[in-house]
Amino acid sequence: MPRVSKKSKPKEIPKLSEKKAEKKTSIIVDAEPKYYFLVIDGSELKNMMELTDALQRMSDDVFYHHVGNGFNHFADWIRDIFGEKEVADNIRDSHNKMEMQVVLLRYFLKKLI
């Protein structure tokens, strides 16, 4: 009599949408509350995505309070709290809000791909 092997249950493959959701949640990391970025206008930023969004509506006065000749509070926060030295260096080289947003969005895009 021939041996009959039991077929193992086929391995479940996660749906593409599930994979994207996993990646999406893993690229947006919140700082601990004591390390939130306190913006001079009174708002708080928990993560780099919130910074990206905040730059869109941030006034120039607020932006240049945190970014100027020889200092960039946003770059310091990204380096010190999230450990993203390369992003921080690129942020430091940005001269305005739009350039900074482009750096951050490129970072998120690389994480998704």
Protein backbone atom coordinates (compact mmCIF):
# COMPACT_ATOMS: atom_id res chain seq x y z
CA MET A 1 0.00 0.00 0.00
CA PRO A 2 1.50 3.40 -0.96
CA ARG A 3 2.27 5.86 1.76
CA VAL A 4 -0.03 8.78 1.90
CA SER A 5 1.45 11.92 3.32
CA LYS A 6 -0.68 14.36 5.11
CA LYS A 7 -0.64 17.63 3.33
CA SER A 8 0.33 20.44 5.56
CA LYS A 9 -1.97 23.36 5.77
CA PRO A 10 -0.92 25.98 3.22
CA LYS A 11 0.90 28.89 4.75
CA GLU A 12 -1.24 31.98 4.96
CA ILE A 13 0.17 34.87 2.99
CA PRO A 14 -0.68 38.30 4.35
CA LYS A 15 -2.60 40.52 2.00
CA LEU A 16 -0.73 43.42 0.46
CA SER A 17 -2.91 45.89 2.34
CA GLU A 18 -1.92 44.21 5.63
CA LYS A 19 1.76 44.49 4.73
CA LYS A 20 1.37 48.16 3.94
CA ALA A 21 -0.45 48.73 7.21
CA GLU A 22 2.36 47.01 9.13
CA LYS A 23 4.99 49.17 7.44
CA LYS A 24 2.94 52.30 7.90
CA THR A 25 2.67 51.85 11.64
CA SER A 26 6.33 50.96 11.98
CA ILE A 27 7.63 54.10 10.25
CA ILE A 28 5.74 56.55 12.42
CA VAL A 29 7.22 56.28 15.88
CA ASP A 30 6.02 58.55 18.68
CA ALA A 31 8.51 60.00 21.10
CA GLU A 32 7.88 59.44 24.78
CA PRO A 33 5.69 62.27 26.12
CA LYS A 34 8.60 63.84 28.00
CA TYR A 35 10.45 64.13 24.65
CA TYR A 36 7.65 65.70 22.59
CA PHE A 37 8.86 68.72 20.65
CA LEU A 38 7.44 71.87 22.21
CA VAL A 39 6.90 74.43 19.46
CA ILE A 40 7.14 78.09 20.49
CA ASP A 41 3.47 78.58 19.50
CA GLY A 42 2.43 76.15 22.26
CA SER A 43 1.80 73.08 20.09
CA GLU A 44 3.48 69.72 20.69
CA LEU A 45 4.86 67.30 18.12
CA LYS A 46 4.99 63.58 18.92
CA ASN A 47 6.69 62.29 15.80
CA MET A 48 8.33 63.25 12.54
CA MET A 49 5.08 62.95 10.58
CA GLU A 50 3.50 65.54 12.85
CA LEU A 51 6.49 67.79 12.17
CA THR A 52 5.95 67.33 8.43
CA ASP A 53 2.30 68.37 8.79
CA ALA A 54 3.09 71.24 11.17
CA LEU A 55 5.60 72.74 8.73
CA GLN A 56 2.77 73.16 6.22
CA ARG A 57 0.83 75.54 8.45
CA MET A 58 3.66 76.96 10.59
CA SER A 59 4.26 80.69 10.39
CA ASP A 60 7.66 81.92 9.30
CA ASP A 61 8.16 83.56 12.71
CA VAL A 62 7.66 80.24 14.47
CA PHE A 63 9.83 78.37 11.96
CA TYR A 64 12.73 80.80 12.25
CA HIS A 65 12.52 80.74 16.03
CA HIS A 66 13.55 77.06 15.80
CA VAL A 67 15.81 77.29 12.73
CA GLY A 68 18.53 79.86 12.21
CA ASN A 69 22.19 80.52 11.67
CA GLY A 70 24.04 77.77 13.51
CA PHE A 71 21.02 76.07 15.07
CA ASN A 72 18.15 73.85 14.07
CA HIS A 73 16.00 72.57 16.91
CA PHE A 74 14.08 70.22 14.60
CA ALA A 75 17.27 68.52 13.40
CA ASP A 76 18.49 68.19 17.00
CA TRP A 77 15.20 66.57 18.04
CA ILE A 78 15.25 64.11 15.13
CA ARG A 79 18.87 63.14 15.85
CA ASP A 80 18.62 62.95 19.64
CA ILE A 81 15.17 61.45 20.11
CA PHE A 82 14.70 59.27 17.01
CA GLY A 83 18.36 58.48 16.30
CA GLU A 84 17.97 59.45 12.64
CA LYS A 85 21.33 61.14 12.07
CA GLU A 86 21.14 61.17 8.27
CA VAL A 87 17.68 62.73 8.26
CA ALA A 88 18.79 65.24 10.90
CA ASP A 89 21.81 66.21 8.79
CA ASN A 90 19.61 66.68 5.73
CA ILE A 91 17.11 68.70 7.78
CA ARG A 92 19.97 70.87 9.03
CA ASP A 93 20.93 71.61 5.42
CA SER A 94 17.37 72.71 4.59
CA HIS A 95 16.89 76.44 4.21
CA ASN A 96 13.12 76.69 4.47
CA LYS A 97 9.98 74.81 5.46
CA MET A 98 9.37 73.31 2.03
CA GLU A 99 12.88 71.89 1.74
CA MET A 100 12.50 70.41 5.20
CA GLN A 101 9.18 68.81 4.25
CA VAL A 102 10.76 67.28 1.14
CA VAL A 103 13.53 65.73 3.27
CA LEU A 104 10.98 64.26 5.68
CA LEU A 105 8.69 62.97 2.94
CA ARG A 106 11.63 61.31 1.16
CA TYR A 107 12.54 59.63 4.45
CA PHE A 108 9.01 58.24 4.82
CA LEU A 109 8.92 57.13 1.19
CA LYS A 110 12.18 55.19 1.60
CA LYS A 111 10.76 53.49 4.68
CA LEU A 112 7.66 52.41 2.74
CA ILE A 113 9.53 50.93 -0.20
